[in-house]
Amino acid sequence: MARRNTRRKQSTGKPAWVWFVLGNFVGGFAVFIFLLDSIKPEQGKVTAEADKPAASKSAPTEAKPRFDFYKLLEENEVKVEKPRERKVRVRESDKGDSEQTVDHSDPGSNLVYILQAASFRDKTEAERLRAQLMLANLDVKVETASDSRGTWHRVLVGPYTSRSKAAKARGILAEHSLMPLMLKRPAKG
């Protein structure tokens, strides 16, 4: 077999990037000439002369700025009710030092907070989670609900009368890798 030596023809022209740079340079120069031609020499002189008297006139008068927002704020004043007072309980611990806890429950409110830990189609899975959460010292119950998609078994934690107590329970549920849904329901009783 004969070995053939094939050589590519080497182009003697310039590389593509040289043409690209040269084209951009020529195009930019053409745009510069076009913009330079559109500026009239008289226009530049007029704007320079107009700036000089304006600067000299503003210096001696020194007009003070006028602010109207003080009047606008007075006209748009909103009256806010005083916040309701919160009860403070003092609890003596075993060591003798006093600990203050703030009860954020609203005596006029008839809502309670319930955390929905999870919902399952299978009741045994719901009961298994209920048992795990009861071991974590939470008040847990399973509620059955039916809708167009079928029967669901919801694992509910609570009820809690304040958001702070519900937040503590939410922290315990987070330790069990659960992201609970907080529900507000009317208090029974």
N, C-alpha and C. Protein backbone atom coordinates (compact mmCIF):
# COMPACT_ATOMS: atom_id res chain seq x y z
N MET A 1 0.82 -1.18 0.00
CA MET A 1 0.00 0.00 0.00
C MET A 1 0.86 1.24 0.00
N ALA A 2 0.44 2.09 -0.79
CA ALA A 2 1.20 3.33 -0.88
C ALA A 2 0.65 4.32 0.14
N ARG A 3 1.57 4.93 0.73
CA ARG A 3 1.19 5.93 1.72
C ARG A 3 1.05 7.29 1.06
N ARG A 4 -0.03 7.86 1.31
CA ARG A 4 -0.24 9.17 0.70
C ARG A 4 -0.06 10.25 1.75
N ASN A 5 0.66 11.17 1.39
CA ASN A 5 0.82 12.34 2.27
C ASN A 5 -0.11 13.42 1.77
N THR A 6 -1.09 13.69 2.60
CA THR A 6 -2.02 14.75 2.21
C THR A 6 -1.76 15.95 3.08
N ARG A 7 -1.62 17.00 2.44
CA ARG A 7 -1.42 18.25 3.16
C ARG A 7 -2.58 19.19 2.88
N ARG A 8 -2.93 19.84 3.93
CA ARG A 8 -3.98 20.85 3.74
C ARG A 8 -3.35 22.11 3.18
N LYS A 9 -4.12 22.74 2.39
CA LYS A 9 -3.62 24.00 1.85
C LYS A 9 -3.70 25.05 2.95
N GLN A 10 -2.65 25.71 3.16
CA GLN A 10 -2.63 26.76 4.16
C GLN A 10 -3.11 28.05 3.52
N SER A 11 -4.02 28.67 4.24
CA SER A 11 -4.55 29.92 3.69
C SER A 11 -3.54 31.03 3.95
N THR A 12 -3.36 31.84 2.99
CA THR A 12 -2.42 32.94 3.12
C THR A 12 -3.10 34.21 3.60
N GLY A 13 -4.44 34.14 3.84
CA GLY A 13 -5.20 35.30 4.27
C GLY A 13 -5.02 35.58 5.75
N LYS A 14 -5.63 36.63 6.19
CA LYS A 14 -5.55 37.04 7.59
C LYS A 14 -6.57 36.24 8.41
N PRO A 15 -6.31 36.06 9.73
CA PRO A 15 -7.26 35.33 10.58
C PRO A 15 -8.58 36.10 10.71
N ALA A 16 -9.62 35.38 11.12
CA ALA A 16 -10.97 35.96 11.20
C ALA A 16 -11.05 37.05 12.26
N TRP A 17 -10.31 36.93 13.35
CA TRP A 17 -10.42 37.93 14.42
C TRP A 17 -9.87 39.28 13.98
N VAL A 18 -8.91 39.26 13.06
CA VAL A 18 -8.37 40.53 12.55
C VAL A 18 -9.45 41.26 11.77
N TRP A 19 -10.19 40.54 10.94
CA TRP A 19 -11.27 41.16 10.18
C TRP A 19 -12.37 41.66 11.10
N PHE A 20 -12.66 40.92 12.16
CA PHE A 20 -13.68 41.33 13.11
C PHE A 20 -13.31 42.64 13.80
N VAL A 21 -12.09 42.72 14.30
CA VAL A 21 -11.62 43.94 14.98
C VAL A 21 -11.59 45.10 14.01
N LEU A 22 -11.08 44.87 12.82
CA LEU A 22 -11.01 45.94 11.83
C LEU A 22 -12.40 46.44 11.45
N GLY A 23 -13.37 45.52 11.30
CA GLY A 23 -14.74 45.91 10.97
C GLY A 23 -15.38 46.73 12.08
N ASN A 24 -15.15 46.33 13.32
CA ASN A 24 -15.70 47.10 14.44
C ASN A 24 -15.08 48.48 14.52
N PHE A 25 -13.79 48.58 14.25
CA PHE A 25 -13.13 49.88 14.29
C PHE A 25 -13.67 50.81 13.22
N VAL A 26 -13.82 50.31 12.03
CA VAL A 26 -14.33 51.13 10.92
C VAL A 26 -15.79 51.54 11.19
N GLY A 27 -16.60 50.58 11.69
CA GLY A 27 -17.99 50.90 12.00
C GLY A 27 -18.11 51.95 13.10
N GLY A 28 -17.30 51.82 14.14
CA GLY A 28 -17.32 52.81 15.22
C GLY A 28 -16.91 54.18 14.74
N PHE A 29 -15.91 54.23 13.88
CA PHE A 29 -15.46 55.51 13.33
C PHE A 29 -16.57 56.16 12.51
N ALA A 30 -17.30 55.34 11.72
CA ALA A 30 -18.39 55.87 10.89
C ALA A 30 -19.50 56.44 11.77
N VAL A 31 -19.83 55.76 12.85
CA VAL A 31 -20.86 56.26 13.76
C VAL A 31 -20.40 57.56 14.41
N PHE A 32 -19.12 57.65 14.79
CA PHE A 32 -18.59 58.87 15.39
C PHE A 32 -18.70 60.05 14.43
N ILE A 33 -18.36 59.82 13.18
CA ILE A 33 -18.45 60.90 12.17
C ILE A 33 -19.90 61.31 11.98
N PHE A 34 -20.81 60.34 11.95
CA PHE A 34 -22.22 60.65 11.76
C PHE A 34 -22.74 61.50 12.92
N LEU A 35 -22.40 61.13 14.16
CA LEU A 35 -22.86 61.90 15.32
C LEU A 35 -22.19 63.27 15.39
N LEU A 36 -20.94 63.33 14.99
CA LEU A 36 -20.23 64.60 15.00
C LEU A 36 -20.85 65.57 13.99
N ASP A 37 -21.30 65.03 12.85
CA ASP A 37 -21.91 65.85 11.81
C ASP A 37 -23.29 66.36 12.27
N SER A 38 -23.99 65.58 13.12
CA SER A 38 -25.33 65.99 13.54
C SER A 38 -25.30 67.09 14.60
N ILE A 39 -24.18 67.26 15.30
CA ILE A 39 -24.07 68.34 16.30
C ILE A 39 -23.72 69.63 15.56
N LYS A 40 -24.53 70.63 15.79
CA LYS A 40 -24.30 71.92 15.14
C LYS A 40 -23.38 72.75 16.02
N PRO A 41 -22.47 73.50 15.46
CA PRO A 41 -21.55 74.30 16.26
C PRO A 41 -22.27 75.37 17.07
N GLU A 42 -23.35 75.94 16.56
CA GLU A 42 -24.07 76.98 17.29
C GLU A 42 -24.76 76.41 18.52
N GLN A 43 -25.18 75.16 18.42
CA GLN A 43 -25.90 74.54 19.52
C GLN A 43 -24.98 74.39 20.74
N GLY A 44 -23.75 74.04 20.54
CA GLY A 44 -22.79 73.89 21.64
C GLY A 44 -22.52 75.21 22.32
N LYS A 45 -22.43 76.31 21.55
CA LYS A 45 -22.17 77.62 22.13
C LYS A 45 -23.35 78.12 22.93
N VAL A 46 -24.56 77.87 22.46
CA VAL A 46 -25.77 78.34 23.14
C VAL A 46 -25.90 77.66 24.50
N THR A 47 -25.66 76.37 24.55
CA THR A 47 -25.80 75.67 25.83
C THR A 47 -24.72 76.11 26.82
N ALA A 48 -23.53 76.41 26.34
CA ALA A 48 -22.46 76.86 27.23
C ALA A 48 -22.79 78.24 27.80
N GLU A 49 -23.33 79.13 26.98
CA GLU A 49 -23.69 80.46 27.45
C GLU A 49 -24.89 80.42 28.39
N ALA A 50 -25.81 79.50 28.17
CA ALA A 50 -26.99 79.42 29.02
C ALA A 50 -26.64 78.92 30.41
N ASP A 51 -25.62 78.11 30.53
CA ASP A 51 -25.22 77.58 31.83
C ASP A 51 -24.54 78.65 32.69
N LYS A 52 -23.80 79.54 32.11
CA LYS A 52 -23.07 80.54 32.88
C LYS A 52 -24.00 81.51 33.62
N PRO A 53 -25.00 82.14 33.00
CA PRO A 53 -25.86 83.06 33.74
C PRO A 53 -26.71 82.35 34.80
N ALA A 54 -27.13 81.14 34.53
CA ALA A 54 -27.96 80.43 35.49
C ALA A 54 -27.18 80.17 36.77
N ALA A 55 -25.92 79.85 36.64
CA ALA A 55 -25.09 79.59 37.81
C ALA A 55 -24.87 80.87 38.60
N SER A 56 -24.68 81.98 37.92
CA SER A 56 -24.44 83.24 38.63
C SER A 56 -25.71 83.77 39.27
N LYS A 57 -26.88 83.50 38.70
CA LYS A 57 -28.13 83.99 39.27
C LYS A 57 -28.53 83.20 40.51
N SER A 58 -28.27 81.90 40.54
CA SER A 58 -28.71 81.07 41.66
C SER A 58 -27.89 81.32 42.92
N ALA A 59 -26.67 81.76 42.78
CA ALA A 59 -25.80 81.95 43.93
C ALA A 59 -26.29 83.08 44.84
N PRO A 60 -26.63 84.27 44.33
CA PRO A 60 -27.01 85.34 45.25
C PRO A 60 -28.39 85.13 45.88
N THR A 61 -29.33 84.54 45.19
CA THR A 61 -30.68 84.44 45.77
C THR A 61 -30.76 83.33 46.80
N GLU A 62 -30.14 82.19 46.55
CA GLU A 62 -30.15 81.03 47.45
C GLU A 62 -31.54 80.77 48.01
N ALA A 63 -32.46 80.38 47.14
CA ALA A 63 -33.83 80.08 47.55
C ALA A 63 -33.85 78.81 48.39
N LYS A 64 -34.58 78.85 49.50
CA LYS A 64 -34.67 77.69 50.38
C LYS A 64 -35.66 76.69 49.79
N PRO A 65 -35.36 75.41 49.92
CA PRO A 65 -36.30 74.41 49.40
C PRO A 65 -37.58 74.40 50.20
N ARG A 66 -38.65 74.09 49.52
CA ARG A 66 -39.97 74.10 50.15
C ARG A 66 -40.44 72.67 50.31
N PHE A 67 -40.76 72.27 51.53
CA PHE A 67 -41.21 70.92 51.81
C PHE A 67 -42.66 70.94 52.26
N ASP A 68 -43.49 70.17 51.59
CA ASP A 68 -44.91 70.10 51.94
C ASP A 68 -45.25 68.85 52.72
N PHE A 69 -44.29 67.95 52.90
CA PHE A 69 -44.66 66.68 53.52
C PHE A 69 -45.01 66.80 54.99
N TYR A 70 -44.58 67.89 55.64
CA TYR A 70 -44.99 68.08 57.03
C TYR A 70 -46.50 68.26 57.12
N LYS A 71 -47.05 69.06 56.22
CA LYS A 71 -48.49 69.28 56.20
C LYS A 71 -49.23 68.02 55.77
N LEU A 72 -48.68 67.32 54.78
CA LEU A 72 -49.31 66.09 54.30
C LEU A 72 -49.36 65.02 55.39
N LEU A 73 -48.31 64.94 56.19
CA LEU A 73 -48.29 63.95 57.26
C LEU A 73 -49.35 64.25 58.33
N GLU A 74 -49.52 65.51 58.64
CA GLU A 74 -50.53 65.88 59.63
C GLU A 74 -51.94 65.57 59.13
N GLU A 75 -52.18 65.78 57.85
CA GLU A 75 -53.50 65.53 57.29
C GLU A 75 -53.81 64.04 57.19
N ASN A 76 -52.81 63.20 56.99
CA ASN A 76 -53.01 61.77 56.82
C ASN A 76 -52.72 60.97 58.09
N GLU A 77 -52.89 61.57 59.24
CA GLU A 77 -52.61 60.89 60.50
C GLU A 77 -53.62 59.78 60.74
N VAL A 78 -53.14 58.65 61.20
CA VAL A 78 -53.98 57.50 61.46
C VAL A 78 -54.00 57.24 62.96
N LYS A 79 -55.17 57.11 63.50
CA LYS A 79 -55.32 56.83 64.93
C LYS A 79 -55.22 55.33 65.15
N VAL A 80 -54.42 54.91 66.13
CA VAL A 80 -54.22 53.51 66.44
C VAL A 80 -54.69 53.25 67.87
N GLU A 81 -55.40 52.13 68.03
CA GLU A 81 -55.87 51.78 69.36
C GLU A 81 -54.71 51.32 70.22
N LYS A 82 -54.87 51.46 71.53
CA LYS A 82 -53.85 50.99 72.44
C LYS A 82 -53.85 49.47 72.43
N PRO A 83 -52.67 48.85 72.51
CA PRO A 83 -52.64 47.39 72.54
C PRO A 83 -53.21 46.86 73.85
N ARG A 84 -53.77 45.66 73.75
CA ARG A 84 -54.34 45.05 74.95
C ARG A 84 -53.22 44.62 75.87
N GLU A 85 -53.47 44.73 77.15
CA GLU A 85 -52.45 44.34 78.11
C GLU A 85 -52.38 42.82 78.21
N ARG A 86 -51.19 42.32 78.41
CA ARG A 86 -50.96 40.90 78.52
C ARG A 86 -50.77 40.54 79.99
N LYS A 87 -51.25 39.36 80.35
CA LYS A 87 -51.11 38.90 81.73
C LYS A 87 -49.72 38.33 81.93
N VAL A 88 -49.15 38.61 83.09
CA VAL A 88 -47.85 38.07 83.44
C VAL A 88 -48.00 37.21 84.68
N ARG A 89 -47.55 35.95 84.56
CA ARG A 89 -47.61 35.04 85.69
C ARG A 89 -46.20 34.83 86.22
N VAL A 90 -46.07 34.76 87.52
CA VAL A 90 -44.78 34.49 88.13
C VAL A 90 -44.86 33.09 88.72
N ARG A 91 -43.88 32.23 88.36
CA ARG A 91 -43.88 30.86 88.83
C ARG A 91 -42.61 30.62 89.62
N GLU A 92 -42.75 30.07 90.79
CA GLU A 92 -41.61 29.74 91.62
C GLU A 92 -41.10 28.36 91.20
N SER A 93 -39.81 28.25 90.92
CA SER A 93 -39.24 26.96 90.56
C SER A 93 -38.73 26.26 91.82
N ASP A 94 -38.23 25.04 91.66
CA ASP A 94 -37.77 24.26 92.79
C ASP A 94 -36.54 24.88 93.46
N LYS A 95 -35.77 25.64 92.74
CA LYS A 95 -34.54 26.20 93.30
C LYS A 95 -34.79 27.50 94.06
N GLY A 96 -35.96 28.02 93.99
CA GLY A 96 -36.28 29.22 94.75
C GLY A 96 -36.22 30.50 93.94
N ASP A 97 -35.62 30.49 92.76
CA ASP A 97 -35.60 31.71 91.96
C ASP A 97 -36.90 31.84 91.18
N SER A 98 -37.31 33.06 90.96
CA SER A 98 -38.60 33.27 90.28
C SER A 98 -38.38 33.39 88.78
N GLU A 99 -39.31 32.86 88.04
CA GLU A 99 -39.26 32.90 86.58
C GLU A 99 -40.54 33.52 86.08
N GLN A 100 -40.42 34.52 85.23
CA GLN A 100 -41.60 35.18 84.70
C GLN A 100 -41.92 34.61 83.33
N THR A 101 -43.16 34.22 83.14
CA THR A 101 -43.61 33.78 81.82
C THR A 101 -44.75 34.69 81.40
N VAL A 102 -44.74 35.04 80.14
CA VAL A 102 -45.76 35.93 79.61
C VAL A 102 -46.78 35.08 78.88
N ASP A 103 -48.03 35.24 79.23
CA ASP A 103 -49.11 34.52 78.57
C ASP A 103 -49.65 35.42 77.47
N HIS A 104 -49.47 35.02 76.23
CA HIS A 104 -49.90 35.82 75.08
C HIS A 104 -51.31 35.50 74.64
N SER A 105 -52.06 34.82 75.44
CA SER A 105 -53.42 34.49 75.03
C SER A 105 -54.29 35.73 75.12
N ASP A 106 -55.19 35.82 74.21
CA ASP A 106 -56.10 36.95 74.15
C ASP A 106 -57.41 36.54 74.81
N PRO A 107 -57.76 37.17 75.95
CA PRO A 107 -58.97 36.74 76.64
C PRO A 107 -60.24 36.94 75.83
N GLY A 108 -60.25 37.92 74.92
CA GLY A 108 -61.43 38.18 74.12
C GLY A 108 -61.52 37.27 72.89
N SER A 109 -60.43 36.61 72.57
CA SER A 109 -60.41 35.78 71.38
C SER A 109 -60.94 34.39 71.68
N ASN A 110 -61.68 33.83 70.77
CA ASN A 110 -62.20 32.48 70.97
C ASN A 110 -61.60 31.53 69.93
N LEU A 111 -60.35 31.76 69.56
CA LEU A 111 -59.66 30.91 68.60
C LEU A 111 -58.59 30.09 69.31
N VAL A 112 -58.37 28.88 68.81
CA VAL A 112 -57.27 28.05 69.29
C VAL A 112 -56.41 27.68 68.09
N TYR A 113 -55.16 27.34 68.37
CA TYR A 113 -54.22 26.96 67.32
C TYR A 113 -54.02 25.45 67.37
N ILE A 114 -54.11 24.83 66.20
CA ILE A 114 -53.90 23.40 66.07
C ILE A 114 -52.87 23.19 64.97
N LEU A 115 -51.93 22.29 65.22
CA LEU A 115 -50.90 21.98 64.23
C LEU A 115 -51.25 20.67 63.54
N GLN A 116 -51.32 20.69 62.24
CA GLN A 116 -51.52 19.46 61.48
C GLN A 116 -50.14 18.94 61.10
N ALA A 117 -49.71 17.86 61.77
CA ALA A 117 -48.37 17.32 61.56
C ALA A 117 -48.28 16.62 60.21
N ALA A 118 -49.30 15.82 59.87
CA ALA A 118 -49.29 15.09 58.60
C ALA A 118 -50.69 14.58 58.32
N SER A 119 -50.90 14.09 57.11
CA SER A 119 -52.15 13.43 56.78
C SER A 119 -51.84 12.20 55.94
N PHE A 120 -52.56 11.11 56.21
CA PHE A 120 -52.30 9.84 55.56
C PHE A 120 -53.60 9.25 55.03
N ARG A 121 -53.49 8.45 54.01
CA ARG A 121 -54.64 7.68 53.53
C ARG A 121 -54.83 6.42 54.38
N ASP A 122 -53.73 5.90 54.90
CA ASP A 122 -53.75 4.68 55.70
C ASP A 122 -53.82 5.04 57.18
N LYS A 123 -54.80 4.48 57.89
CA LYS A 123 -54.99 4.81 59.29
C LYS A 123 -53.85 4.29 60.16
N THR A 124 -53.23 3.16 59.79
CA THR A 124 -52.15 2.61 60.61
C THR A 124 -50.93 3.53 60.62
N GLU A 125 -50.65 4.18 59.49
CA GLU A 125 -49.53 5.13 59.44
C GLU A 125 -49.82 6.33 60.32
N ALA A 126 -51.06 6.80 60.32
CA ALA A 126 -51.44 7.93 61.17
C ALA A 126 -51.32 7.54 62.64
N GLU A 127 -51.73 6.35 63.00
CA GLU A 127 -51.63 5.90 64.39
C GLU A 127 -50.17 5.73 64.81
N ARG A 128 -49.31 5.29 63.88
CA ARG A 128 -47.89 5.13 64.19
C ARG A 128 -47.26 6.49 64.51
N LEU A 129 -47.57 7.52 63.69
CA LEU A 129 -47.03 8.86 63.94
C LEU A 129 -47.60 9.42 65.23
N ARG A 130 -48.88 9.17 65.49
CA ARG A 130 -49.50 9.62 66.74
C ARG A 130 -48.77 9.07 67.95
N ALA A 131 -48.39 7.79 67.90
CA ALA A 131 -47.67 7.17 69.01
C ALA A 131 -46.29 7.80 69.19
N GLN A 132 -45.60 8.08 68.09
CA GLN A 132 -44.27 8.71 68.19
C GLN A 132 -44.37 10.09 68.82
N LEU A 133 -45.39 10.85 68.43
CA LEU A 133 -45.52 12.21 68.95
C LEU A 133 -46.01 12.22 70.39
N MET A 134 -46.77 11.22 70.77
CA MET A 134 -47.20 11.12 72.18
C MET A 134 -45.99 10.84 73.07
N LEU A 135 -45.01 10.09 72.56
CA LEU A 135 -43.78 9.85 73.32
C LEU A 135 -42.96 11.13 73.47
N ALA A 136 -43.17 12.10 72.58
CA ALA A 136 -42.49 13.39 72.66
C ALA A 136 -43.27 14.36 73.56
N ASN A 137 -44.26 13.84 74.30
CA ASN A 137 -45.04 14.63 75.27
C ASN A 137 -45.89 15.71 74.58
N LEU A 138 -46.54 15.34 73.49
CA LEU A 138 -47.45 16.26 72.81
C LEU A 138 -48.86 15.71 72.89
N ASP A 139 -49.84 16.60 72.90
CA ASP A 139 -51.25 16.21 72.89
C ASP A 139 -51.65 15.97 71.44
N VAL A 140 -51.80 14.70 71.06
CA VAL A 140 -52.00 14.33 69.65
C VAL A 140 -53.29 13.56 69.51
N LYS A 141 -53.99 13.81 68.40
CA LYS A 141 -55.18 13.02 68.06
C LYS A 141 -55.22 12.84 66.55
N VAL A 142 -55.95 11.83 66.11
CA VAL A 142 -56.13 11.55 64.70
C VAL A 142 -57.56 11.88 64.33
N GLU A 143 -57.71 12.69 63.30
CA GLU A 143 -59.04 13.10 62.84
C GLU A 143 -59.24 12.57 61.43
N THR A 144 -60.39 11.99 61.18
CA THR A 144 -60.69 11.42 59.86
C THR A 144 -61.57 12.40 59.09
N ALA A 145 -61.19 12.65 57.84
CA ALA A 145 -61.96 13.57 56.99
C ALA A 145 -62.08 12.96 55.61
N SER A 146 -63.21 13.18 54.98
CA SER A 146 -63.44 12.67 53.63
C SER A 146 -63.70 13.84 52.69
N ASP A 147 -63.15 13.71 51.50
CA ASP A 147 -63.40 14.71 50.47
C ASP A 147 -63.50 14.01 49.13
N SER A 148 -63.42 14.75 48.05
CA SER A 148 -63.59 14.17 46.72
C SER A 148 -62.46 13.21 46.35
N ARG A 149 -61.30 13.36 47.02
CA ARG A 149 -60.16 12.50 46.73
C ARG A 149 -60.14 11.23 47.58
N GLY A 150 -61.02 11.13 48.55
CA GLY A 150 -61.07 9.93 49.38
C GLY A 150 -61.03 10.29 50.86
N THR A 151 -60.70 9.29 51.68
CA THR A 151 -60.65 9.48 53.12
C THR A 151 -59.21 9.74 53.54
N TRP A 152 -59.04 10.75 54.38
CA TRP A 152 -57.73 11.14 54.88
C TRP A 152 -57.75 11.07 56.40
N HIS A 153 -56.64 10.68 56.98
CA HIS A 153 -56.48 10.63 58.43
C HIS A 153 -55.42 11.67 58.80
N ARG A 154 -55.88 12.73 59.47
CA ARG A 154 -55.00 13.84 59.82
C ARG A 154 -54.47 13.65 61.24
N VAL A 155 -53.19 13.87 61.41
CA VAL A 155 -52.57 13.83 62.73
C VAL A 155 -52.48 15.26 63.22
N LEU A 156 -53.27 15.58 64.27
CA LEU A 156 -53.38 16.94 64.78
C LEU A 156 -52.73 17.03 66.16
N VAL A 157 -52.01 18.13 66.39
CA VAL A 157 -51.35 18.39 67.67
C VAL A 157 -51.98 19.64 68.25
N GLY A 158 -52.41 19.55 69.49
CA GLY A 158 -52.99 20.72 70.14
C GLY A 158 -54.33 20.39 70.72
N PRO A 159 -55.11 21.33 71.04
CA PRO A 159 -55.14 22.76 70.72
C PRO A 159 -54.29 23.59 71.69
N TYR A 160 -53.85 24.74 71.20
CA TYR A 160 -53.05 25.68 72.00
C TYR A 160 -53.78 27.02 71.99
N THR A 161 -53.76 27.68 73.14
CA THR A 161 -54.45 28.96 73.26
C THR A 161 -53.59 30.14 72.83
N SER A 162 -52.29 29.93 72.70
CA SER A 162 -51.42 31.04 72.30
C SER A 162 -50.47 30.59 71.20
N ARG A 163 -49.99 31.56 70.45
CA ARG A 163 -49.07 31.27 69.35
C ARG A 163 -47.71 30.80 69.88
N SER A 164 -47.32 31.28 71.07
CA SER A 164 -46.01 30.89 71.60
C SER A 164 -46.00 29.41 71.97
N LYS A 165 -47.09 28.91 72.53
CA LYS A 165 -47.17 27.48 72.85
C LYS A 165 -47.20 26.65 71.57
N ALA A 166 -47.89 27.14 70.57
CA ALA A 166 -47.93 26.43 69.29
C ALA A 166 -46.55 26.44 68.62
N ALA A 167 -45.80 27.52 68.81
CA ALA A 167 -44.45 27.59 68.24
C ALA A 167 -43.52 26.59 68.91
N LYS A 168 -43.67 26.40 70.23
CA LYS A 168 -42.85 25.40 70.93
C LYS A 168 -43.17 24.01 70.40
N ALA A 169 -44.44 23.72 70.19
CA ALA A 169 -44.83 22.41 69.65
C ALA A 169 -44.31 22.26 68.22
N ARG A 170 -44.31 23.34 67.46
CA ARG A 170 -43.79 23.30 66.10
C ARG A 170 -42.30 22.97 66.11
N GLY A 171 -41.57 23.47 67.09
CA GLY A 171 -40.15 23.16 67.23
C GLY A 171 -39.93 21.68 67.51
N ILE A 172 -40.77 21.10 68.35
CA ILE A 172 -40.67 19.66 68.65
C ILE A 172 -40.96 18.85 67.39
N LEU A 173 -41.96 19.27 66.63
CA LEU A 173 -42.28 18.57 65.39
C LEU A 173 -41.15 18.70 64.37
N ALA A 174 -40.46 19.83 64.37
CA ALA A 174 -39.33 20.02 63.45
C ALA A 174 -38.19 19.07 63.81
N GLU A 175 -38.03 18.77 65.10
CA GLU A 175 -37.01 17.80 65.51
C GLU A 175 -37.32 16.41 64.97
N HIS A 176 -38.61 16.13 64.71
CA HIS A 176 -39.03 14.85 64.14
C HIS A 176 -39.12 14.92 62.61
N SER A 177 -38.52 15.96 62.01
CA SER A 177 -38.49 16.17 60.55
C SER A 177 -39.89 16.34 59.97
N LEU A 178 -40.74 17.04 60.68
CA LEU A 178 -42.09 17.32 60.19
C LEU A 178 -42.25 18.82 60.01
N MET A 179 -42.97 19.21 58.98
CA MET A 179 -43.27 20.63 58.72
C MET A 179 -44.77 20.81 58.92
N PRO A 180 -45.20 21.17 60.12
CA PRO A 180 -46.64 21.22 60.40
C PRO A 180 -47.32 22.43 59.77
N LEU A 181 -48.61 22.28 59.60
CA LEU A 181 -49.47 23.34 59.09
C LEU A 181 -50.26 23.88 60.27
N MET A 182 -50.20 25.21 60.51
CA MET A 182 -50.90 25.79 61.64
C MET A 182 -52.33 26.15 61.23
N LEU A 183 -53.29 25.66 62.01
CA LEU A 183 -54.70 25.92 61.74
C LEU A 183 -55.29 26.72 62.89
N LYS A 184 -56.22 27.62 62.57
CA LYS A 184 -56.96 28.36 63.60
C LYS A 184 -58.38 27.84 63.57
N ARG A 185 -58.86 27.49 64.75
CA ARG A 185 -60.24 27.01 64.85
C ARG A 185 -60.91 27.69 66.03
N PRO A 186 -62.23 27.78 65.98
CA PRO A 186 -62.94 28.36 67.13
C PRO A 186 -62.82 27.42 68.34
N ALA A 187 -62.68 28.03 69.50
CA ALA A 187 -62.57 27.25 70.73
C ALA A 187 -63.92 26.67 71.10
N LYS A 188 -63.90 25.44 71.56
CA LYS A 188 -65.14 24.79 72.01
C LYS A 188 -65.30 25.05 73.49
N GLY A 189 -66.48 25.37 73.87
CA GLY A 189 -66.67 25.53 75.31
C GLY A 189 -67.38 26.75 75.57
